Amino acid sequence: MNADQGLFVPLILGIIEGVTEFLPVSSTGHILLVGHFLGFDSPGRVFEVMIQLGAILAIAVLYFQRLLGIARDAIARKPGALRFILGVFLASAPAAIAGVLLHDFIKTVIYETPIVICVMLIVGGIILLYVDQLKLEPKYTDIYNYPPLLCLYIGLFQMLALVPGVSRSGATIVGSLLMGTDKRSAAEFTFFIAMPIMGGAFLYDFWKSKDLIATSGIGIGIAIGFAAAFVTAFFVVRYLLDFISRNGFAVFAYWRIFVGALGLWGLLLFK
């Protein structure tokens, strides 16, 4: 971030991150597109990854009691808790491994190709709209009863979100619904698997970019974006599950298509 960019753009991007992180609309796609059109300079694309920790901390705060209960049950070796922890690990592992192996390619090539983001937003919106309208009979309605193999399959779907514009939550929700979960538990499961995968991405990027952060002056921008993401994500997550239970995912699908089309128009207009 250049000094003359001020704090307004990081604040706006942090708000966008918090609002969109747990919606199936691709938070990374949104902040990369908005940053592109606002001329935001993020060395190594560190800013976009690291402010995600604010959204993750919002989940940790909201789910603190449940996380504590799961930890207590796991220490007591209760099978349900151990199975759930295994499921979260299996769902997180594929994207974590692929993210490490493809890290440089993703950050230096795909993140710098806004047309790919726009196309993925549109395609993902069409898929989400189609799946949302299917008359599927859910077999799993409680995330604590998800079988380990189901969690692994969900994790394979999550790998698709390494391409910005796909959406981590969108990919996992679509995969979950197609494999027999209901909408509410599919959305909730994305909250839990977000914590290890995005927390790990934060730590990995921080370790790889610590010298860049120290010398580029982007640290204050990250702090502003982090705080904005935390506050907005806190309120979004607090009301999201009830909204999805009542309305499904169609509104998010239409939004993806709109943003993707608007982005393509902007790229053609201002190329």
C-alpha atoms as a PDB file:
ATOM      1  CA  MET A   1       0.000   0.000   0.000  1.00  0.00           C
ATOM      2  CA  ASN A   2       1.384   3.333  -0.981  1.00  0.00           C
ATOM      3  CA  ALA A   3       1.287   6.094   1.595  1.00  0.00           C
ATOM      4  CA  ASP A   4      -0.841   8.307  -0.667  1.00  0.00           C
ATOM      5  CA  GLN A   5      -3.601   5.726  -0.751  1.00  0.00           C
ATOM      6  CA  GLY A   6      -4.557   6.653   2.795  1.00  0.00           C
ATOM      7  CA  LEU A   7      -6.705   4.512   5.057  1.00  0.00           C
ATOM      8  CA  PHE A   8     -10.050   4.878   3.303  1.00  0.00           C
ATOM      9  CA  VAL A   9      -9.488   2.134   0.723  1.00  0.00           C
ATOM     10  CA  PRO A  10      -8.212  -0.438   3.283  1.00  0.00           C
ATOM     11  CA  LEU A  11     -11.247   0.400   5.429  1.00  0.00           C
ATOM     12  CA  ILE A  12     -13.640  -0.161   2.516  1.00  0.00           C
ATOM     13  CA  LEU A  13     -11.908  -3.409   1.563  1.00  0.00           C
ATOM     14  CA  GLY A  14     -12.026  -4.594   5.183  1.00  0.00           C
ATOM     15  CA  ILE A  15     -15.774  -3.944   5.321  1.00  0.00           C
ATOM     16  CA  ILE A  16     -16.252  -5.828   2.051  1.00  0.00           C
ATOM     17  CA  GLU A  17     -14.190  -8.727   3.409  1.00  0.00           C
ATOM     18  CA  GLY A  18     -16.258  -8.952   6.584  1.00  0.00           C
ATOM     19  CA  VAL A  19     -19.583  -8.709   4.763  1.00  0.00           C
ATOM     20  CA  THR A  20     -18.746 -11.251   2.061  1.00  0.00           C
ATOM     21  CA  GLU A  21     -16.399 -13.772   3.734  1.00  0.00           C
ATOM     22  CA  PHE A  22     -19.103 -16.177   4.880  1.00  0.00           C
ATOM     23  CA  LEU A  23     -21.545 -15.475   2.067  1.00  0.00           C
ATOM     24  CA  PRO A  24     -21.269 -17.697  -1.039  1.00  0.00           C
ATOM     25  CA  VAL A  25     -20.193 -14.739  -3.170  1.00  0.00           C
ATOM     26  CA  SER A  26     -16.350 -14.878  -2.961  1.00  0.00           C
ATOM     27  CA  SER A  27     -14.870 -12.322  -0.604  1.00  0.00           C
ATOM     28  CA  THR A  28     -11.471 -12.559  -2.316  1.00  0.00           C
ATOM     29  CA  GLY A  29     -13.061 -11.959  -5.697  1.00  0.00           C
ATOM     30  CA  HIS A  30     -14.865  -8.883  -4.373  1.00  0.00           C
ATOM     31  CA  ILE A  31     -11.875  -7.247  -2.699  1.00  0.00           C
ATOM     32  CA  LEU A  32      -9.564  -7.999  -5.628  1.00  0.00           C
ATOM     33  CA  LEU A  33     -12.022  -6.463  -8.097  1.00  0.00           C
ATOM     34  CA  VAL A  34     -12.771  -3.420  -5.946  1.00  0.00           C
ATOM     35  CA  GLY A  35      -9.070  -2.969  -5.223  1.00  0.00           C
ATOM     36  CA  HIS A  36      -8.314  -3.213  -8.939  1.00  0.00           C
ATOM     37  CA  PHE A  37     -10.772  -0.470  -9.891  1.00  0.00           C
ATOM     38  CA  LEU A  38      -9.707   1.735  -6.966  1.00  0.00           C
ATOM     39  CA  GLY A  39      -6.050   1.335  -7.906  1.00  0.00           C
ATOM     40  CA  PHE A  40      -5.152  -0.297  -4.592  1.00  0.00           C
ATOM     41  CA  ASP A  41      -1.532  -1.450  -4.473  1.00  0.00           C
ATOM     42  CA  SER A  42      -1.093  -4.551  -2.328  1.00  0.00           C
ATOM     43  CA  PRO A  43       2.506  -5.840  -2.491  1.00  0.00           C
ATOM     44  CA  GLY A  44       2.447  -9.611  -2.903  1.00  0.00           C
ATOM     45  CA  ARG A  45      -1.338  -9.565  -2.337  1.00  0.00           C
ATOM     46  CA  VAL A  46      -0.588  -9.878   1.374  1.00  0.00           C
ATOM     47  CA  PHE A  47      -3.342  -7.477   2.420  1.00  0.00           C
ATOM     48  CA  GLU A  48      -6.152  -9.540   0.857  1.00  0.00           C
ATOM     49  CA  VAL A  49      -5.118 -12.701   2.686  1.00  0.00           C
ATOM     50  CA  MET A  50      -4.202 -11.275   6.057  1.00  0.00           C
ATOM     51  CA  ILE A  51      -7.331  -9.235   6.738  1.00  0.00           C
ATOM     52  CA  GLN A  52      -9.296 -12.495   6.558  1.00  0.00           C
ATOM     53  CA  LEU A  53      -8.110 -13.214  10.096  1.00  0.00           C
ATOM     54  CA  GLY A  54     -10.480 -10.496  11.306  1.00  0.00           C
ATOM     55  CA  ALA A  55     -13.439 -12.437   9.934  1.00  0.00           C
ATOM     56  CA  ILE A  56     -12.115 -15.662  11.443  1.00  0.00           C
ATOM     57  CA  LEU A  57     -11.804 -14.079  14.879  1.00  0.00           C
ATOM     58  CA  ALA A  58     -15.434 -12.989  14.599  1.00  0.00           C
ATOM     59  CA  ILE A  59     -16.413 -16.650  14.171  1.00  0.00           C
ATOM     60  CA  ALA A  60     -14.197 -17.671  17.089  1.00  0.00           C
ATOM     61  CA  VAL A  61     -15.875 -15.092  19.350  1.00  0.00           C
ATOM     62  CA  LEU A  62     -19.417 -16.028  18.316  1.00  0.00           C
ATOM     63  CA  TYR A  63     -18.766 -19.764  18.598  1.00  0.00           C
ATOM     64  CA  PHE A  64     -16.484 -19.609  21.619  1.00  0.00           C
ATOM     65  CA  GLN A  65     -18.771 -21.562  23.942  1.00  0.00           C
ATOM     66  CA  ARG A  66     -19.356 -24.278  21.360  1.00  0.00           C
ATOM     67  CA  LEU A  67     -15.643 -24.520  20.578  1.00  0.00           C
ATOM     68  CA  LEU A  68     -14.924 -24.799  24.289  1.00  0.00           C
ATOM     69  CA  GLY A  69     -17.531 -27.545  24.639  1.00  0.00           C
ATOM     70  CA  ILE A  70     -16.067 -29.467  21.705  1.00  0.00           C
ATOM     71  CA  ALA A  71     -12.587 -29.179  23.237  1.00  0.00           C
ATOM     72  CA  ARG A  72     -13.855 -30.450  26.613  1.00  0.00           C
ATOM     73  CA  ASP A  73     -15.662 -33.370  24.970  1.00  0.00           C
ATOM     74  CA  ALA A  74     -12.582 -34.219  22.925  1.00  0.00           C
ATOM     75  CA  ILE A  75     -10.389 -34.232  26.042  1.00  0.00           C
ATOM     76  CA  ALA A  76     -12.966 -36.537  27.619  1.00  0.00           C
ATOM     77  CA  ARG A  77     -12.620 -38.696  24.468  1.00  0.00           C
ATOM     78  CA  LYS A  78     -16.292 -38.528  23.577  1.00  0.00           C
ATOM     79  CA  PRO A  79     -16.717 -40.167  20.145  1.00  0.00           C
ATOM     80  CA  GLY A  80     -18.982 -37.449  18.715  1.00  0.00           C
ATOM     81  CA  ALA A  81     -16.500 -34.677  19.424  1.00  0.00           C
ATOM     82  CA  LEU A  82     -13.540 -36.668  18.104  1.00  0.00           C
ATOM     83  CA  ARG A  83     -15.460 -37.520  14.936  1.00  0.00           C
ATOM     84  CA  PHE A  84     -16.353 -33.865  14.423  1.00  0.00           C
ATOM     85  CA  ILE A  85     -12.740 -32.722  14.862  1.00  0.00           C
ATOM     86  CA  LEU A  86     -11.622 -35.419  12.409  1.00  0.00           C
ATOM     87  CA  GLY A  87     -14.268 -34.222   9.968  1.00  0.00           C
ATOM     88  CA  VAL A  88     -13.073 -30.613  10.185  1.00  0.00           C
ATOM     89  CA  PHE A  89      -9.497 -31.777   9.611  1.00  0.00           C
ATOM     90  CA  LEU A  90     -10.477 -33.887   6.584  1.00  0.00           C
ATOM     91  CA  ALA A  91     -12.495 -31.019   5.117  1.00  0.00           C
ATOM     92  CA  SER A  92      -9.622 -28.559   5.584  1.00  0.00           C
ATOM     93  CA  ALA A  93      -6.664 -30.687   4.482  1.00  0.00           C
ATOM     94  CA  PRO A  94      -7.135 -30.769   0.659  1.00  0.00           C
ATOM     95  CA  ALA A  95      -7.312 -26.987   0.246  1.00  0.00           C
ATOM     96  CA  ALA A  96      -4.461 -26.477   2.720  1.00  0.00           C
ATOM     97  CA  ILE A  97      -2.157 -28.836   0.809  1.00  0.00           C
ATOM     98  CA  ALA A  98      -3.115 -27.443  -2.588  1.00  0.00           C
ATOM     99  CA  GLY A  99      -2.798 -23.880  -1.290  1.00  0.00           C
ATOM    100  CA  VAL A 100       0.789 -24.447  -0.187  1.00  0.00           C
ATOM    101  CA  LEU A 101       1.772 -26.206  -3.423  1.00  0.00           C
ATOM    102  CA  LEU A 102       0.143 -23.603  -5.680  1.00  0.00           C
ATOM    103  CA  HIS A 103       0.692 -20.544  -3.477  1.00  0.00           C
ATOM    104  CA  ASP A 104       3.011 -18.581  -5.756  1.00  0.00           C
ATOM    105  CA  PHE A 105       1.025 -19.331  -8.926  1.00  0.00           C
ATOM    106  CA  ILE A 106      -2.251 -18.292  -7.286  1.00  0.00           C
ATOM    107  CA  LYS A 107      -0.868 -15.056  -5.853  1.00  0.00           C
ATOM    108  CA  THR A 108       1.163 -13.938  -8.875  1.00  0.00           C
ATOM    109  CA  VAL A 109      -1.009 -15.161 -11.769  1.00  0.00           C
ATOM    110  CA  ILE A 110      -4.653 -15.815 -10.880  1.00  0.00           C
ATOM    111  CA  TYR A 111      -4.920 -12.964  -8.358  1.00  0.00           C
ATOM    112  CA  GLU A 112      -3.633 -10.626 -11.070  1.00  0.00           C
ATOM    113  CA  THR A 113      -6.208 -11.738 -13.677  1.00  0.00           C
ATOM    114  CA  PRO A 114      -9.465  -9.916 -12.909  1.00  0.00           C
ATOM    115  CA  ILE A 115     -11.255 -11.329 -15.952  1.00  0.00           C
ATOM    116  CA  VAL A 116     -10.944 -14.819 -14.435  1.00  0.00           C
ATOM    117  CA  ILE A 117     -12.516 -13.530 -11.218  1.00  0.00           C
ATOM    118  CA  CYS A 118     -15.486 -12.049 -13.108  1.00  0.00           C
ATOM    119  CA  VAL A 119     -16.073 -15.225 -15.114  1.00  0.00           C
ATOM    120  CA  MET A 120     -15.905 -17.375 -11.985  1.00  0.00           C
ATOM    121  CA  LEU A 121     -18.380 -15.101 -10.200  1.00  0.00           C
ATOM    122  CA  ILE A 122     -20.881 -15.526 -13.035  1.00  0.00           C
ATOM    123  CA  VAL A 123     -20.371 -19.269 -13.501  1.00  0.00           C
ATOM    124  CA  GLY A 124     -20.506 -19.864  -9.739  1.00  0.00           C
ATOM    125  CA  GLY A 125     -23.682 -17.807  -9.490  1.00  0.00           C
ATOM    126  CA  ILE A 126     -25.391 -19.890 -12.181  1.00  0.00           C
ATOM    127  CA  ILE A 127     -24.347 -23.132 -10.465  1.00  0.00           C
ATOM    128  CA  LEU A 128     -25.459 -21.893  -7.046  1.00  0.00           C
ATOM    129  CA  LEU A 129     -28.830 -20.797  -8.454  1.00  0.00           C
ATOM    130  CA  TYR A 130     -29.334 -24.192 -10.106  1.00  0.00           C
ATOM    131  CA  VAL A 131     -28.431 -26.186  -6.996  1.00  0.00           C
ATOM    132  CA  ASP A 132     -30.547 -23.950  -4.749  1.00  0.00           C
ATOM    133  CA  GLN A 133     -33.624 -24.771  -6.832  1.00  0.00           C
ATOM    134  CA  LEU A 134     -33.105 -28.545  -6.813  1.00  0.00           C
ATOM    135  CA  LYS A 135     -35.567 -30.571  -4.748  1.00  0.00           C
ATOM    136  CA  LEU A 136     -32.963 -32.400  -2.688  1.00  0.00           C
ATOM    137  CA  GLU A 137     -33.851 -34.570   0.282  1.00  0.00           C
ATOM    138  CA  PRO A 138     -31.270 -33.905   3.021  1.00  0.00           C
ATOM    139  CA  LYS A 139     -29.816 -36.899   4.843  1.00  0.00           C
ATOM    140  CA  TYR A 140     -27.617 -34.852   7.189  1.00  0.00           C
ATOM    141  CA  THR A 141     -28.935 -31.898   9.181  1.00  0.00           C
ATOM    142  CA  ASP A 142     -26.468 -31.818  12.087  1.00  0.00           C
ATOM    143  CA  ILE A 143     -22.821 -30.947  11.444  1.00  0.00           C
ATOM    144  CA  TYR A 144     -21.755 -33.098  14.395  1.00  0.00           C
ATOM    145  CA  ASN A 145     -23.113 -36.155  12.595  1.00  0.00           C
ATOM    146  CA  TYR A 146     -21.411 -35.565   9.257  1.00  0.00           C
ATOM    147  CA  PRO A 147     -19.545 -38.787   8.313  1.00  0.00           C
ATOM    148  CA  PRO A 148     -15.769 -38.424   7.833  1.00  0.00           C
ATOM    149  CA  LEU A 149     -15.968 -39.392   4.156  1.00  0.00           C
ATOM    150  CA  LEU A 150     -18.592 -36.697   3.535  1.00  0.00           C
ATOM    151  CA  CYS A 151     -16.280 -34.131   5.166  1.00  0.00           C
ATOM    152  CA  LEU A 152     -13.425 -35.193   2.893  1.00  0.00           C
ATOM    153  CA  TYR A 153     -15.612 -34.766  -0.185  1.00  0.00           C
ATOM    154  CA  ILE A 154     -16.631 -31.302   1.034  1.00  0.00           C
ATOM    155  CA  GLY A 155     -12.936 -30.500   1.415  1.00  0.00           C
ATOM    156  CA  LEU A 156     -12.315 -31.479  -2.207  1.00  0.00           C
ATOM    157  CA  PHE A 157     -15.013 -29.035  -3.273  1.00  0.00           C
ATOM    158  CA  GLN A 158     -13.380 -26.369  -1.099  1.00  0.00           C
ATOM    159  CA  MET A 159     -10.187 -26.712  -3.160  1.00  0.00           C
ATOM    160  CA  LEU A 160     -11.996 -25.053  -6.055  1.00  0.00           C
ATOM    161  CA  ALA A 161     -12.069 -21.826  -4.025  1.00  0.00           C
ATOM    162  CA  LEU A 162      -8.327 -21.399  -4.495  1.00  0.00           C
ATOM    163  CA  VAL A 163      -9.425 -19.672  -7.700  1.00  0.00           C
ATOM    164  CA  PRO A 164     -10.703 -16.228  -6.645  1.00  0.00           C
ATOM    165  CA  GLY A 165     -14.298 -15.702  -7.663  1.00  0.00           C
ATOM    166  CA  VAL A 166     -15.303 -19.289  -6.922  1.00  0.00           C
ATOM    167  CA  SER A 167     -16.011 -18.643  -3.197  1.00  0.00           C
ATOM    168  CA  ARG A 168     -14.854 -20.908  -0.406  1.00  0.00           C
ATOM    169  CA  SER A 169     -18.244 -20.993   1.279  1.00  0.00           C
ATOM    170  CA  GLY A 170     -20.025 -21.260  -2.078  1.00  0.00           C
ATOM    171  CA  ALA A 171     -17.983 -24.269  -3.185  1.00  0.00           C
ATOM    172  CA  THR A 172     -18.407 -26.067   0.138  1.00  0.00           C
ATOM    173  CA  ILE A 173     -22.134 -25.304   0.300  1.00  0.00           C
ATOM    174  CA  VAL A 174     -22.768 -26.571  -3.230  1.00  0.00           C
ATOM    175  CA  GLY A 175     -20.747 -29.710  -2.530  1.00  0.00           C
ATOM    176  CA  SER A 176     -22.529 -30.254   0.785  1.00  0.00           C
ATOM    177  CA  LEU A 177     -26.008 -29.872  -0.707  1.00  0.00           C
ATOM    178  CA  LEU A 178     -25.246 -32.237  -3.581  1.00  0.00           C
ATOM    179  CA  MET A 179     -24.058 -34.842  -1.076  1.00  0.00           C
ATOM    180  CA  GLY A 180     -27.136 -34.733   1.109  1.00  0.00           C
ATOM    181  CA  THR A 181     -26.902 -31.956   3.706  1.00  0.00           C
ATOM    182  CA  ASP A 182     -29.522 -29.321   4.412  1.00  0.00           C
ATOM    183  CA  LYS A 183     -28.895 -25.631   3.711  1.00  0.00           C
ATOM    184  CA  ARG A 184     -28.495 -24.459   7.302  1.00  0.00           C
ATOM    185  CA  SER A 185     -25.973 -27.100   8.376  1.00  0.00           C
ATOM    186  CA  ALA A 186     -24.061 -26.729   5.067  1.00  0.00           C
ATOM    187  CA  ALA A 187     -23.615 -23.016   5.774  1.00  0.00           C
ATOM    188  CA  GLU A 188     -22.692 -23.622   9.406  1.00  0.00           C
ATOM    189  CA  PHE A 189     -20.080 -26.225   8.510  1.00  0.00           C
ATOM    190  CA  THR A 190     -18.323 -23.636   6.354  1.00  0.00           C
ATOM    191  CA  PHE A 191     -17.852 -21.522   9.502  1.00  0.00           C
ATOM    192  CA  PHE A 192     -15.983 -24.289  11.291  1.00  0.00           C
ATOM    193  CA  ILE A 193     -13.746 -25.336   8.411  1.00  0.00           C
ATOM    194  CA  ALA A 194     -12.946 -21.678   7.715  1.00  0.00           C
ATOM    195  CA  MET A 195     -11.090 -21.364  11.011  1.00  0.00           C
ATOM    196  CA  PRO A 196      -8.234 -23.829  10.345  1.00  0.00           C
ATOM    197  CA  ILE A 197      -7.930 -23.181   6.595  1.00  0.00           C
ATOM    198  CA  MET A 198      -7.959 -19.391   6.791  1.00  0.00           C
ATOM    199  CA  GLY A 199      -6.010 -19.244  10.030  1.00  0.00           C
ATOM    200  CA  GLY A 200      -3.369 -21.402   8.365  1.00  0.00           C
ATOM    201  CA  ALA A 201      -3.373 -19.188   5.258  1.00  0.00           C
ATOM    202  CA  PHE A 202      -2.820 -16.141   7.474  1.00  0.00           C
ATOM    203  CA  LEU A 203       0.126 -17.705   9.292  1.00  0.00           C
ATOM    204  CA  TYR A 204       1.665 -19.016   6.062  1.00  0.00           C
ATOM    205  CA  ASP A 205       1.398 -15.660   4.304  1.00  0.00           C
ATOM    206  CA  PHE A 206       2.697 -13.821   7.353  1.00  0.00           C
ATOM    207  CA  TRP A 207       5.720 -16.100   7.531  1.00  0.00           C
ATOM    208  CA  LYS A 208       6.449 -15.759   3.807  1.00  0.00           C
ATOM    209  CA  SER A 209       5.841 -12.001   3.698  1.00  0.00           C
ATOM    210  CA  LYS A 210       7.058 -10.732   7.083  1.00  0.00           C
ATOM    211  CA  ASP A 211       9.917  -8.775   5.523  1.00  0.00           C
ATOM    212  CA  LEU A 212       7.614  -7.272   2.899  1.00  0.00           C
ATOM    213  CA  ILE A 213       5.132  -6.193   5.588  1.00  0.00           C
ATOM    214  CA  ALA A 214       7.875  -4.565   7.605  1.00  0.00           C
ATOM    215  CA  THR A 215       9.322  -2.596   4.692  1.00  0.00           C
ATOM    216  CA  SER A 216       6.312  -1.744   2.505  1.00  0.00           C
ATOM    217  CA  GLY A 217       4.289   0.272   5.004  1.00  0.00           C
ATOM    218  CA  ILE A 218       1.250  -1.944   4.487  1.00  0.00           C
ATOM    219  CA  GLY A 219       1.012  -2.903   8.171  1.00  0.00           C
ATOM    220  CA  ILE A 220      -1.291  -0.028   9.144  1.00  0.00           C
ATOM    221  CA  GLY A 221      -3.561  -0.797   6.197  1.00  0.00           C
ATOM    222  CA  ILE A 222      -3.767  -4.445   7.278  1.00  0.00           C
ATOM    223  CA  ALA A 223      -4.669  -3.362  10.819  1.00  0.00           C
ATOM    224  CA  ILE A 224      -7.491  -1.119   9.546  1.00  0.00           C
ATOM    225  CA  GLY A 225      -8.819  -3.812   7.201  1.00  0.00           C
ATOM    226  CA  PHE A 226      -8.536  -6.445   9.919  1.00  0.00           C
ATOM    227  CA  ALA A 227     -10.623  -4.407  12.390  1.00  0.00           C
ATOM    228  CA  ALA A 228     -13.279  -3.580   9.794  1.00  0.00           C
ATOM    229  CA  ALA A 229     -13.518  -7.226   8.733  1.00  0.00           C
ATOM    230  CA  PHE A 230     -13.934  -8.365  12.340  1.00  0.00           C
ATOM    231  CA  VAL A 231     -16.789  -5.973  13.134  1.00  0.00           C
ATOM    232  CA  THR A 232     -18.758  -6.537   9.937  1.00  0.00           C
ATOM    233  CA  ALA A 233     -18.277 -10.331   9.903  1.00  0.00           C
ATOM    234  CA  PHE A 234     -19.492 -10.511  13.522  1.00  0.00           C
ATOM    235  CA  PHE A 235     -22.875  -9.094  12.591  1.00  0.00           C
ATOM    236  CA  VAL A 236     -23.174 -10.971   9.289  1.00  0.00           C
ATOM    237  CA  VAL A 237     -22.547 -14.370  10.872  1.00  0.00           C
ATOM    238  CA  ARG A 238     -24.883 -13.626  13.756  1.00  0.00           C
ATOM    239  CA  TYR A 239     -27.878 -13.427  11.407  1.00  0.00           C
ATOM    240  CA  LEU A 240     -26.766 -15.399   8.349  1.00  0.00           C
ATOM    241  CA  LEU A 241     -28.003 -18.899   9.243  1.00  0.00           C
ATOM    242  CA  ASP A 242     -31.528 -17.732   9.969  1.00  0.00           C
ATOM    243  CA  PHE A 243     -31.587 -15.794   6.687  1.00  0.00           C
ATOM    244  CA  ILE A 244     -30.419 -18.845   4.712  1.00  0.00           C
ATOM    245  CA  SER A 245     -32.953 -21.111   6.431  1.00  0.00           C
ATOM    246  CA  ARG A 246     -35.773 -18.789   5.356  1.00  0.00           C
ATOM    247  CA  ASN A 247     -34.558 -17.645   1.925  1.00  0.00           C
ATOM    248  CA  GLY A 248     -31.976 -20.076   0.560  1.00  0.00           C
ATOM    249  CA  PHE A 249     -29.085 -18.951  -1.642  1.00  0.00           C
ATOM    250  CA  ALA A 250     -30.801 -17.459  -4.711  1.00  0.00           C
ATOM    251  CA  VAL A 251     -30.179 -13.842  -3.687  1.00  0.00           C
ATOM    252  CA  PHE A 252     -26.441 -14.533  -3.402  1.00  0.00           C
ATOM    253  CA  ALA A 253     -26.429 -16.269  -6.793  1.00  0.00           C
ATOM    254  CA  TYR A 254     -28.047 -13.264  -8.492  1.00  0.00           C
ATOM    255  CA  TRP A 255     -25.587 -10.941  -6.737  1.00  0.00           C
ATOM    256  CA  ARG A 256     -22.613 -12.958  -8.017  1.00  0.00           C
ATOM    257  CA  ILE A 257     -23.919 -12.779 -11.579  1.00  0.00           C
ATOM    258  CA  PHE A 258     -24.521  -9.038 -11.267  1.00  0.00           C
ATOM    259  CA  VAL A 259     -21.057  -8.285  -9.829  1.00  0.00           C
ATOM    260  CA  GLY A 260     -19.326 -10.535 -12.367  1.00  0.00           C
ATOM    261  CA  ALA A 261     -21.138  -8.901 -15.274  1.00  0.00           C
ATOM    262  CA  LEU A 262     -20.469  -5.424 -13.884  1.00  0.00           C
ATOM    263  CA  GLY A 263     -16.800  -6.288 -13.469  1.00  0.00           C
ATOM    264  CA  LEU A 264     -16.527  -7.532 -17.073  1.00  0.00           C
ATOM    265  CA  TRP A 265     -18.179  -4.335 -18.287  1.00  0.00           C
ATOM    266  CA  GLY A 266     -15.737  -2.254 -16.238  1.00  0.00           C
ATOM    267  CA  LEU A 267     -12.732  -4.179 -17.532  1.00  0.00           C
ATOM    268  CA  LEU A 268     -13.836  -3.683 -21.125  1.00  0.00           C
ATOM    269  CA  LEU A 269     -14.634  -0.024 -20.554  1.00  0.00           C
ATOM    270  CA  PHE A 270     -11.432   0.924 -18.733  1.00  0.00           C
ATOM    271  CA  LYS A 271      -8.895  -1.460 -20.237  1.00  0.00           C
END
